[in-house]
Amino acid sequence: MVNSLEDVKSAANTDASPDAQANPIREGDLVLLWFEKKEITYLVEVQRGKKHPIHCGKPLLVDDWIGRDYGGKIICEYGDGYLLKPTMEDLMMKASRESGIIYPKDAAYLILRASIHAGCKVMEIGTGSGSLTMALAQAVAPTGHVHTYDCRTDLPKNAVKNLTRAGLLSTVTFHQREPMQPFDEGGFDVVILDIPQPWDEIEVVKKALKNGGQYVSLNPTFNQIENTAEALRRHGFLQIDSLELLERHILARGGKTRPVQRMVSHTEFLLFAIKPALEASGNPQCWTSPAVSSPAPVPPVLPPASGL
């Protein structure tokens, strides 16, 4: 217990000690090798005896990195490099690909907007290379789970490779499924579709979602989100909303700050909706005001008859 100002100072000094700040690299860890000269990066798994090639100069011996702290600097023929701890953005952008990926800017907003958090049960239709799957798995871990479905008959090897490298494979179950096939699982908090015709899946997806569950669809064209939005309305979904996110980096430099000349503009449209709660009869629940008895009619007051 902290009882005095001296105790506070002592605790602060302990936290600031070199041992408290240590963050050593171990065998099997992932390292983002970043060269400041041209901001070139490599995602490297640290293994003894491994030599990692770079774009200019001799391959680097990875053994030398073991035991060093993240953030440390190395010097090679090309110039100074830094050993950084990779983020989920790095893992997504460095994923082994066999198709286009969902970009971090879209994945981050999706996770926040759909309230995906630890303990959630999430369905993903369209595994692809597993870029979004990694972000979802990180968000629901350690107590949640991601079920990802793809129509391919072979196991999505790239996705498995990427999830394994990220250390998130145990949080994901892979399924093979034909389009519009009913799901064996139910009670999902969120369902995310990254397929060409998401409107075809709405009926079976609706049955698998919890009441009040979140529906998210990702598509690159106006026609796709238009068709999906209309299908969601026909099935009674609520709060249908679509948007896109544009990402523009800024070169922040003394006296000459400006936007970069290239930017990540259109990648996907994000379409959101919420499943309504239904009664057993299938009719939407509604509130009916209690019956109120009408007051008895008041007879009109007639003027007195005039004498003749």
Foldseek 3Di string as FASTA:
>chain_A
DDDDPVSVVVVVVVCPDPVNPAAFDAQQAWWWKADPPVRDTDIDHQDQPDFADDPDAGTHGSVVRGGHGQQDWDAGPVGIIGTHHDDLQNLLVPADAPDDGDHPVVLVVVCVVQVQAAQFEEEEEDCGLPSSVQVSLVRHPDNYAYEYEYQDPDDNVSNCVSCVSVVRNVRYDYYHDDPQDADPAAAGQEYEYEDQACLSNVVRVLRRYDAFHKYKYKAQDPVRLVSNLVSCVVLPWADKDKDFDWFWDWDDDPPDIDIDPDTRGGDIMMIMTTHHDADPVRHGDDDDDDDDDDDDDDDDDDDDDDDD
